[in-house]
Protein backbone atom coordinates (compact mmCIF):
# COMPACT_ATOMS: atom_id res chain seq x y z
CA MET A 1 0.42 -0.01 -0.52
CA LEU A 2 1.33 3.21 -0.92
CA VAL A 3 -0.07 6.78 0.39
CA PHE A 4 0.52 9.72 -1.83
CA SER A 5 -0.02 13.16 -0.02
CA GLN A 6 0.02 16.99 -0.16
CA TYR A 7 1.13 17.08 3.48
CA VAL A 8 2.27 14.78 6.35
CA GLU A 9 -0.70 13.24 8.34
CA GLU A 10 0.96 11.55 11.23
CA THR A 11 -1.91 9.03 12.13
CA TYR A 12 -2.00 7.64 8.51
CA ALA A 13 2.05 6.95 8.74
CA ARG A 14 1.64 5.54 11.94
CA GLU A 15 -1.64 3.06 10.60
CA LEU A 16 0.82 2.51 7.82
CA LEU A 17 3.68 1.18 9.96
CA ALA A 18 1.67 -0.07 12.87
CA ASP A 19 2.02 -3.96 12.20
CA GLY A 20 5.53 -4.09 10.69
CA ARG A 21 4.69 -6.45 7.65
CA GLY A 22 5.77 -4.15 5.54
CA GLY A 23 5.00 -3.16 1.57
CA VAL A 24 3.93 0.31 2.75
CA GLY A 25 5.52 3.82 1.84
CA TYR A 26 3.85 7.33 2.56
CA LEU A 27 5.11 9.66 -0.16
CA LEU A 28 4.72 13.09 -0.78
CA LYS A 29 2.73 14.57 -4.03
CA ASP A 30 5.28 17.19 -4.54
CA ARG A 31 8.80 15.02 -4.39
CA VAL A 32 7.12 11.78 -7.06
CA SER A 33 8.63 14.41 -9.88
CA ARG A 34 11.78 12.83 -8.74
CA VAL A 35 11.82 9.28 -10.67
CA ASP A 36 14.52 7.38 -9.73
CA GLU A 37 13.45 8.16 -6.05
CA PHE A 38 9.99 7.17 -6.38
CA VAL A 39 11.04 4.45 -8.69
CA ASP A 40 13.33 2.96 -5.49
CA ALA A 41 10.55 3.40 -3.17
CA LEU A 42 8.04 1.51 -5.11
CA ARG A 43 10.73 -1.40 -5.97
CA ARG A 44 11.18 -1.11 -1.40
CA ILE A 45 7.40 -1.43 -1.03
CA ALA A 46 7.07 -4.22 -3.85
CA ALA A 47 9.47 -6.41 -2.12
CA GLY A 48 7.66 -6.16 1.01
CA GLY A 49 9.63 -3.10 2.84
CA THR A 50 9.09 0.60 3.64
CA GLY A 51 9.70 3.77 1.28
CA MET A 52 9.02 6.93 3.05
CA ASP A 53 9.31 10.34 1.97
CA PRO A 54 12.36 11.86 5.05
CA GLU A 55 10.08 15.27 5.16
CA VAL A 56 7.33 12.44 6.70
CA VAL A 57 10.06 11.05 8.85
CA ALA A 58 11.85 14.65 9.83
CA GLN A 59 8.03 15.83 11.01
CA LEU A 60 7.12 12.93 12.85
CA LEU A 61 10.45 12.87 14.73
CA THR A 62 10.41 16.89 15.45
CA ARG A 63 6.74 16.10 17.38
CA ARG A 64 7.98 13.83 19.49
CA HIS A 65 10.08 13.64 22.27
CA ASP A 66 11.10 10.32 24.29
CA PRO A 67 14.05 8.34 23.67
CA ILE A 68 14.88 9.54 20.29
CA SER A 69 16.04 12.33 22.15
CA ALA A 70 19.00 10.47 23.67
CA LEU A 71 20.33 9.29 20.26
CA THR A 72 22.77 11.19 18.64
CA PRO A 73 22.31 13.62 15.28
CA ARG A 74 24.06 10.93 13.35
CA GLU A 75 22.08 8.28 14.70
CA ARG A 76 18.78 9.77 14.09
CA GLU A 77 20.01 10.49 10.83
CA VAL A 78 20.87 6.76 10.04
CA LEU A 79 17.17 5.85 11.82
CA SER A 80 15.75 8.26 9.49
CA LEU A 81 16.80 6.53 6.99
CA MET A 82 16.14 2.98 8.44
CA ALA A 83 12.70 4.52 8.38
CA ALA A 84 12.28 5.41 4.72
CA GLY A 85 13.08 1.71 4.05
CA HIS A 86 16.85 1.90 3.37
CA ALA A 87 19.11 -1.11 4.25
CA ASN A 88 22.40 -0.47 5.78
CA GLN A 89 24.28 -0.14 2.59
CA GLU A 90 21.94 2.19 1.26
CA ILE A 91 22.55 3.95 4.11
CA ALA A 92 26.34 4.37 4.37
CA GLU A 93 26.39 4.79 0.70
CA ARG A 94 24.27 7.60 1.45
CA LEU A 95 25.48 9.17 4.16
CA VAL A 96 29.61 8.41 2.64
CA VAL A 97 30.49 6.21 5.48
CA THR A 98 31.95 2.29 5.55
CA GLU A 99 29.07 -0.12 6.24
CA ARG A 100 30.49 -1.17 9.26
CA ALA A 101 30.10 2.57 10.85
CA VAL A 102 26.41 2.27 10.01
CA LEU A 103 26.05 -1.50 11.94
CA GLU A 104 27.64 0.52 14.80
CA HIS A 105 25.24 3.27 14.95
CA VAL A 106 22.05 0.44 14.48
CA GLY A 107 23.75 -1.33 17.36
CA ASN A 108 23.79 2.11 19.58
CA ILE A 109 20.27 2.99 18.37
CA PHE A 110 19.09 -0.70 19.55
CA ALA A 111 20.77 -0.06 22.82
CA LYS A 112 19.44 3.30 23.29
CA LEU A 113 15.71 2.40 22.43
CA ASP A 114 16.10 -0.34 24.82
CA LEU A 115 15.11 -2.97 22.11
CA PRO A 116 15.80 -6.56 23.09
CA VAL A 117 18.66 -8.61 21.49
CA GLY A 118 16.98 -11.05 19.10
CA ASP A 119 15.87 -10.85 15.59
CA SER A 120 17.50 -7.84 14.12
CA GLY A 121 14.80 -7.17 11.34
CA HIS A 122 11.85 -7.30 14.12
CA ARG A 123 14.47 -4.96 16.12
CA ARG A 124 14.45 -2.64 13.02
CA VAL A 125 10.54 -2.45 12.84
CA LEU A 126 10.68 -1.57 16.23
CA ALA A 127 13.53 1.25 16.21
CA VAL A 128 11.22 2.67 13.33
CA LEU A 129 8.01 2.51 15.60
CA ALA A 130 9.98 4.30 18.48
CA TYR A 131 10.98 6.99 16.04
CA LEU A 132 8.06 7.62 14.42
CA GLY A 133 6.16 7.64 17.70
CA ALA A 134 3.97 4.73 17.69
């Protein structure tokens, strides 16, 4: 399911991600003209991942204050990209860092959000939900 919107609606974004199943996206209409980003989001959604517009993620973050405030700016940036549906390698490429550095940030995020050790995919979803304030 892909939601196109003119503006960020927090309720819709939270509901989309609430079940943690993936295959969902929330894109702002004014960014659809960036064809490469749009196609990238569609591919992630079709593969069962997520495609969240960075502006949606950023606005949802600024509306919440809680464990996320304990994250460093770089950790919030990594978490934002995770919420947008990017894998670690993609995050590393976008931030121009090594994948190992991204793994360290992700580990720190999990620790600071007090997410139990286990299935890292499940912890990723829990981290994104915490990020979005669900």
